[in-house]
Amino acid sequence: MIFYRNRLCFLTGDAIVMSQPMQNVKDERFDFWKKTATTLIDTDPIDLIVTSKNPTKLYDAMVVNNGLLLFSSGQQFLLSTNQDNLSPKTAEVNEIASYRFNPKTSPISLGTTVGFISNAGQHSRLFEMVNISREKEAEVLEPTKIISDLIPKDLNLLAHSKENTILLAGEYLKRELW
């Protein structure tokens, strides 16, 4: 579940479902029903299915400058619009990368980039996604490449400090940090 552009969003398998936008600050009710069945209006809820050649289940999402970054176990997608207003008519989901994602962790914002953990064989890797946009595939860097054989598989905790330029990964109830 995530809040994006004044809409409450749920990741439901291979779909993202978004409520109608909140009309004012006092309105604490989120509506997932259309106003009319005969026409499509900009304030209607949004329900998009992520299409791919591979089976896709969405695990996490993160708001970035160009849209909403969606993570499945093997691909990354960007929900965006080419208009100022996000509506059922203008919303679109595009695949921007196809890297493995460890669904036990959440992606993190590294300032202007996004970091996420991947399981690769017997080890974990940290990927950093840069230049995220609708028009092209994102660039993905691997900062842990030189030590990738040292990081164990199935880490489930990821934390960072932008001020101290440190990123920590670990496993719940274990004493080791990476």
C-alpha atoms as a PDB file:
ATOM      1  CA  MET A   1       0.000   0.000   0.000  1.00  0.00           C
ATOM      2  CA  ILE A   2       1.331   3.463  -0.879  1.00  0.00           C
ATOM      3  CA  PHE A   3       0.025   7.019  -1.239  1.00  0.00           C
ATOM      4  CA  TYR A   4       0.725   8.610  -4.635  1.00  0.00           C
ATOM      5  CA  ARG A   5      -0.584  11.836  -6.197  1.00  0.00           C
ATOM      6  CA  ASN A   6      -3.406  12.189  -3.694  1.00  0.00           C
ATOM      7  CA  ARG A   7      -4.549   8.607  -4.272  1.00  0.00           C
ATOM      8  CA  LEU A   8      -4.374   5.560  -2.030  1.00  0.00           C
ATOM      9  CA  CYS A   9      -2.756   2.706  -3.988  1.00  0.00           C
ATOM     10  CA  PHE A  10      -2.761  -1.044  -3.457  1.00  0.00           C
ATOM     11  CA  LEU A  11      -0.499  -3.561  -5.150  1.00  0.00           C
ATOM     12  CA  THR A  12      -2.698  -6.580  -5.854  1.00  0.00           C
ATOM     13  CA  GLY A  13      -0.801  -9.339  -7.579  1.00  0.00           C
ATOM     14  CA  ASP A  14      -0.094  -8.105 -11.101  1.00  0.00           C
ATOM     15  CA  ALA A  15      -2.203  -4.938 -10.772  1.00  0.00           C
ATOM     16  CA  ILE A  16      -2.093  -1.553  -9.093  1.00  0.00           C
ATOM     17  CA  VAL A  17      -5.413  -0.185  -7.888  1.00  0.00           C
ATOM     18  CA  MET A  18      -5.719   3.515  -7.058  1.00  0.00           C
ATOM     19  CA  SER A  19      -8.581   5.269  -5.309  1.00  0.00           C
ATOM     20  CA  GLN A  20     -10.236   8.453  -6.441  1.00  0.00           C
ATOM     21  CA  PRO A  21      -8.111  11.460  -5.446  1.00  0.00           C
ATOM     22  CA  MET A  22      -8.912  13.173  -2.173  1.00  0.00           C
ATOM     23  CA  GLN A  23     -10.824  16.333  -3.004  1.00  0.00           C
ATOM     24  CA  ASN A  24      -9.871  18.313   0.111  1.00  0.00           C
ATOM     25  CA  VAL A  25      -7.823  17.978   3.286  1.00  0.00           C
ATOM     26  CA  LYS A  26     -10.855  17.250   5.474  1.00  0.00           C
ATOM     27  CA  ASP A  27     -11.895  14.341   3.225  1.00  0.00           C
ATOM     28  CA  GLU A  28     -10.488  11.216   4.891  1.00  0.00           C
ATOM     29  CA  ARG A  29     -12.566   8.824   2.799  1.00  0.00           C
ATOM     30  CA  PHE A  30     -10.952   7.018  -0.114  1.00  0.00           C
ATOM     31  CA  ASP A  31     -13.362   5.874  -2.777  1.00  0.00           C
ATOM     32  CA  PHE A  32     -12.568   2.956  -5.107  1.00  0.00           C
ATOM     33  CA  TRP A  33     -15.826   3.176  -7.078  1.00  0.00           C
ATOM     34  CA  LYS A  34     -16.552   5.012 -10.320  1.00  0.00           C
ATOM     35  CA  LYS A  35     -19.075   7.857 -10.288  1.00  0.00           C
ATOM     36  CA  THR A  36     -20.793   6.623 -13.447  1.00  0.00           C
ATOM     37  CA  ALA A  37     -20.628   3.483 -15.560  1.00  0.00           C
ATOM     38  CA  THR A  38     -21.234   5.262 -18.861  1.00  0.00           C
ATOM     39  CA  THR A  39     -18.299   7.685 -19.013  1.00  0.00           C
ATOM     40  CA  LEU A  40     -14.709   7.819 -17.836  1.00  0.00           C
ATOM     41  CA  ILE A  41     -13.795  10.951 -15.882  1.00  0.00           C
ATOM     42  CA  ASP A  42     -10.424  12.135 -14.562  1.00  0.00           C
ATOM     43  CA  THR A  43     -11.334  11.536 -10.911  1.00  0.00           C
ATOM     44  CA  ASP A  44     -12.314   7.898 -11.409  1.00  0.00           C
ATOM     45  CA  PRO A  45     -10.233   5.224  -9.680  1.00  0.00           C
ATOM     46  CA  ILE A  46      -7.335   3.759 -11.661  1.00  0.00           C
ATOM     47  CA  ASP A  47      -6.880   0.014 -12.080  1.00  0.00           C
ATOM     48  CA  LEU A  48      -3.891  -1.048 -14.199  1.00  0.00           C
ATOM     49  CA  ILE A  49      -2.516  -4.500 -14.863  1.00  0.00           C
ATOM     50  CA  VAL A  50       1.235  -4.782 -15.334  1.00  0.00           C
ATOM     51  CA  THR A  51       1.884  -6.747 -18.503  1.00  0.00           C
ATOM     52  CA  SER A  52       5.030  -8.713 -19.151  1.00  0.00           C
ATOM     53  CA  LYS A  53       6.311 -11.815 -20.916  1.00  0.00           C
ATOM     54  CA  ASN A  54       6.957 -13.346 -17.491  1.00  0.00           C
ATOM     55  CA  PRO A  55       4.483 -13.873 -14.644  1.00  0.00           C
ATOM     56  CA  THR A  56       4.508 -10.702 -12.596  1.00  0.00           C
ATOM     57  CA  LYS A  57       3.584 -10.113  -8.980  1.00  0.00           C
ATOM     58  CA  LEU A  58       4.154  -6.633  -7.584  1.00  0.00           C
ATOM     59  CA  TYR A  59       5.865  -6.525  -4.191  1.00  0.00           C
ATOM     60  CA  ASP A  60       6.791  -2.912  -3.526  1.00  0.00           C
ATOM     61  CA  ALA A  61       6.588   0.634  -4.857  1.00  0.00           C
ATOM     62  CA  MET A  62       8.459   3.882  -4.411  1.00  0.00           C
ATOM     63  CA  VAL A  63       7.629   7.425  -5.468  1.00  0.00           C
ATOM     64  CA  VAL A  64      10.287   8.977  -7.730  1.00  0.00           C
ATOM     65  CA  ASN A  65      10.345  12.261  -9.668  1.00  0.00           C
ATOM     66  CA  ASN A  66       8.968  10.753 -12.872  1.00  0.00           C
ATOM     67  CA  GLY A  67       6.262   8.549 -11.392  1.00  0.00           C
ATOM     68  CA  LEU A  68       5.724   5.521  -9.209  1.00  0.00           C
ATOM     69  CA  LEU A  69       8.435   2.864  -9.426  1.00  0.00           C
ATOM     70  CA  LEU A  70       6.959  -0.652  -9.115  1.00  0.00           C
ATOM     71  CA  PHE A  71       8.982  -3.733  -8.164  1.00  0.00           C
ATOM     72  CA  SER A  72       8.282  -7.352  -9.046  1.00  0.00           C
ATOM     73  CA  SER A  73      10.687 -10.205  -8.334  1.00  0.00           C
ATOM     74  CA  GLY A  74      12.281  -9.950 -11.782  1.00  0.00           C
ATOM     75  CA  GLN A  75      11.334  -6.577 -13.281  1.00  0.00           C
ATOM     76  CA  GLN A  76      10.870  -2.911 -12.471  1.00  0.00           C
ATOM     77  CA  PHE A  77       8.075  -0.779 -13.920  1.00  0.00           C
ATOM     78  CA  LEU A  78       7.245   2.925 -13.916  1.00  0.00           C
ATOM     79  CA  LEU A  79       3.664   4.121 -13.524  1.00  0.00           C
ATOM     80  CA  SER A  80       3.522   7.600 -15.008  1.00  0.00           C
ATOM     81  CA  THR A  81       1.580  10.023 -17.139  1.00  0.00           C
ATOM     82  CA  ASN A  82       2.535  12.432 -19.905  1.00  0.00           C
ATOM     83  CA  GLN A  83      -0.047  14.943 -18.641  1.00  0.00           C
ATOM     84  CA  ASP A  84      -0.142  17.138 -15.537  1.00  0.00           C
ATOM     85  CA  ASN A  85      -3.159  15.246 -14.236  1.00  0.00           C
ATOM     86  CA  LEU A  86      -2.974  11.527 -13.388  1.00  0.00           C
ATOM     87  CA  SER A  87      -6.224   9.957 -14.554  1.00  0.00           C
ATOM     88  CA  PRO A  88      -7.503   6.637 -15.892  1.00  0.00           C
ATOM     89  CA  LYS A  89      -7.149   8.085 -19.409  1.00  0.00           C
ATOM     90  CA  THR A  90      -3.498   9.145 -19.036  1.00  0.00           C
ATOM     91  CA  ALA A  91      -1.942   6.607 -16.626  1.00  0.00           C
ATOM     92  CA  GLU A  92       0.438   4.074 -18.135  1.00  0.00           C
ATOM     93  CA  VAL A  93       2.847   1.432 -16.846  1.00  0.00           C
ATOM     94  CA  ASN A  94       6.104   0.717 -18.688  1.00  0.00           C
ATOM     95  CA  GLU A  95       8.878  -1.754 -17.971  1.00  0.00           C
ATOM     96  CA  ILE A  96      12.111   0.153 -17.350  1.00  0.00           C
ATOM     97  CA  ALA A  97      14.463  -2.598 -16.112  1.00  0.00           C
ATOM     98  CA  SER A  98      14.618  -6.341 -15.564  1.00  0.00           C
ATOM     99  CA  TYR A  99      16.750  -7.049 -12.509  1.00  0.00           C
ATOM    100  CA  ARG A 100      16.010  -9.496  -9.732  1.00  0.00           C
ATOM    101  CA  PHE A 101      14.522  -7.937  -6.602  1.00  0.00           C
ATOM    102  CA  ASN A 102      14.505  -9.487  -3.136  1.00  0.00           C
ATOM    103  CA  PRO A 103      10.862  -9.094  -2.003  1.00  0.00           C
ATOM    104  CA  LYS A 104      11.898  -9.534   1.644  1.00  0.00           C
ATOM    105  CA  THR A 105      13.427  -6.039   1.540  1.00  0.00           C
ATOM    106  CA  SER A 106      12.087  -2.658   0.507  1.00  0.00           C
ATOM    107  CA  PRO A 107      13.772  -0.350  -1.993  1.00  0.00           C
ATOM    108  CA  ILE A 108      15.339   2.775  -0.529  1.00  0.00           C
ATOM    109  CA  SER A 109      15.796   6.305  -1.781  1.00  0.00           C
ATOM    110  CA  LEU A 110      19.440   7.273  -2.062  1.00  0.00           C
ATOM    111  CA  GLY A 111      18.687  10.915  -2.849  1.00  0.00           C
ATOM    112  CA  THR A 112      18.296  11.110  -6.621  1.00  0.00           C
ATOM    113  CA  THR A 113      18.669   7.356  -7.137  1.00  0.00           C
ATOM    114  CA  VAL A 114      16.956   4.211  -5.831  1.00  0.00           C
ATOM    115  CA  GLY A 115      18.722   1.257  -4.227  1.00  0.00           C
ATOM    116  CA  PHE A 116      17.440  -2.296  -3.914  1.00  0.00           C
ATOM    117  CA  ILE A 117      18.758  -5.722  -2.938  1.00  0.00           C
ATOM    118  CA  SER A 118      18.812  -8.688  -5.299  1.00  0.00           C
ATOM    119  CA  ASN A 119      19.438 -12.360  -4.672  1.00  0.00           C
ATOM    120  CA  ALA A 120      21.936 -13.753  -7.158  1.00  0.00           C
ATOM    121  CA  GLY A 121      22.729 -17.425  -6.734  1.00  0.00           C
ATOM    122  CA  GLN A 122      24.367 -17.885  -3.324  1.00  0.00           C
ATOM    123  CA  HIS A 123      24.829 -14.156  -2.662  1.00  0.00           C
ATOM    124  CA  SER A 124      23.027 -10.814  -2.461  1.00  0.00           C
ATOM    125  CA  ARG A 125      23.779  -7.762  -4.538  1.00  0.00           C
ATOM    126  CA  LEU A 126      22.913  -4.103  -4.174  1.00  0.00           C
ATOM    127  CA  PHE A 127      21.696  -2.369  -7.302  1.00  0.00           C
ATOM    128  CA  GLU A 128      21.362   1.386  -7.744  1.00  0.00           C
ATOM    129  CA  MET A 129      18.879   2.632 -10.336  1.00  0.00           C
ATOM    130  CA  VAL A 130      19.692   5.990 -11.933  1.00  0.00           C
ATOM    131  CA  ASN A 131      18.147   8.097 -14.727  1.00  0.00           C
ATOM    132  CA  ILE A 132      14.625   6.780 -14.219  1.00  0.00           C
ATOM    133  CA  SER A 133      12.303   8.032 -16.963  1.00  0.00           C
ATOM    134  CA  ARG A 134       9.330   7.061 -19.137  1.00  0.00           C
ATOM    135  CA  GLU A 135      11.189   7.400 -22.395  1.00  0.00           C
ATOM    136  CA  LYS A 136      13.987   4.866 -21.900  1.00  0.00           C
ATOM    137  CA  GLU A 137      15.228   2.034 -19.727  1.00  0.00           C
ATOM    138  CA  ALA A 138      16.785   3.051 -16.441  1.00  0.00           C
ATOM    139  CA  GLU A 139      20.502   2.678 -15.879  1.00  0.00           C
ATOM    140  CA  VAL A 140      21.330   0.190 -13.128  1.00  0.00           C
ATOM    141  CA  LEU A 141      24.677   0.200 -11.333  1.00  0.00           C
ATOM    142  CA  GLU A 142      26.045  -2.479  -9.013  1.00  0.00           C
ATOM    143  CA  PRO A 143      28.086  -0.835  -6.217  1.00  0.00           C
ATOM    144  CA  THR A 144      28.677  -4.223  -4.506  1.00  0.00           C
ATOM    145  CA  LYS A 145      30.259  -5.841  -7.571  1.00  0.00           C
ATOM    146  CA  ILE A 146      33.772  -5.970  -6.095  1.00  0.00           C
ATOM    147  CA  ILE A 147      32.529  -7.713  -2.920  1.00  0.00           C
ATOM    148  CA  SER A 148      29.491  -9.563  -4.288  1.00  0.00           C
ATOM    149  CA  ASP A 149      30.846 -12.984  -3.234  1.00  0.00           C
ATOM    150  CA  LEU A 150      30.981 -11.857   0.408  1.00  0.00           C
ATOM    151  CA  ILE A 151      27.372 -10.788   0.952  1.00  0.00           C
ATOM    152  CA  PRO A 152      25.077 -13.675   2.002  1.00  0.00           C
ATOM    153  CA  LYS A 153      21.771 -14.490   0.311  1.00  0.00           C
ATOM    154  CA  ASP A 154      18.293 -13.636   1.649  1.00  0.00           C
ATOM    155  CA  LEU A 155      19.066 -10.491   3.607  1.00  0.00           C
ATOM    156  CA  ASN A 156      15.831  -8.941   4.804  1.00  0.00           C
ATOM    157  CA  LEU A 157      16.825  -5.606   6.346  1.00  0.00           C
ATOM    158  CA  LEU A 158      18.111  -2.598   4.445  1.00  0.00           C
ATOM    159  CA  ALA A 159      18.848   0.815   5.984  1.00  0.00           C
ATOM    160  CA  HIS A 160      20.888   3.853   5.043  1.00  0.00           C
ATOM    161  CA  SER A 161      22.083   7.234   6.176  1.00  0.00           C
ATOM    162  CA  LYS A 162      22.488   9.866   3.464  1.00  0.00           C
ATOM    163  CA  GLU A 163      24.310  12.159   5.887  1.00  0.00           C
ATOM    164  CA  ASN A 164      26.933   9.538   6.740  1.00  0.00           C
ATOM    165  CA  THR A 165      26.972   7.954   3.263  1.00  0.00           C
ATOM    166  CA  ILE A 166      26.490   4.471   4.645  1.00  0.00           C
ATOM    167  CA  LEU A 167      24.215   1.652   3.601  1.00  0.00           C
ATOM    168  CA  LEU A 168      23.596  -1.311   5.912  1.00  0.00           C
ATOM    169  CA  ALA A 169      22.068  -4.692   5.155  1.00  0.00           C
ATOM    170  CA  GLY A 170      21.375  -7.555   7.504  1.00  0.00           C
ATOM    171  CA  GLU A 171      19.132 -10.377   8.507  1.00  0.00           C
ATOM    172  CA  TYR A 172      16.531 -10.046  11.252  1.00  0.00           C
ATOM    173  CA  LEU A 173      17.807 -11.253  14.674  1.00  0.00           C
ATOM    174  CA  LYS A 174      21.327 -11.877  13.343  1.00  0.00           C
ATOM    175  CA  ARG A 175      24.359 -10.044  14.711  1.00  0.00           C
ATOM    176  CA  GLU A 176      26.135  -9.483  11.382  1.00  0.00           C
ATOM    177  CA  LEU A 177      25.692  -6.322   9.344  1.00  0.00           C
ATOM    178  CA  TRP A 178      26.940  -5.844   5.831  1.00  0.00           C
END
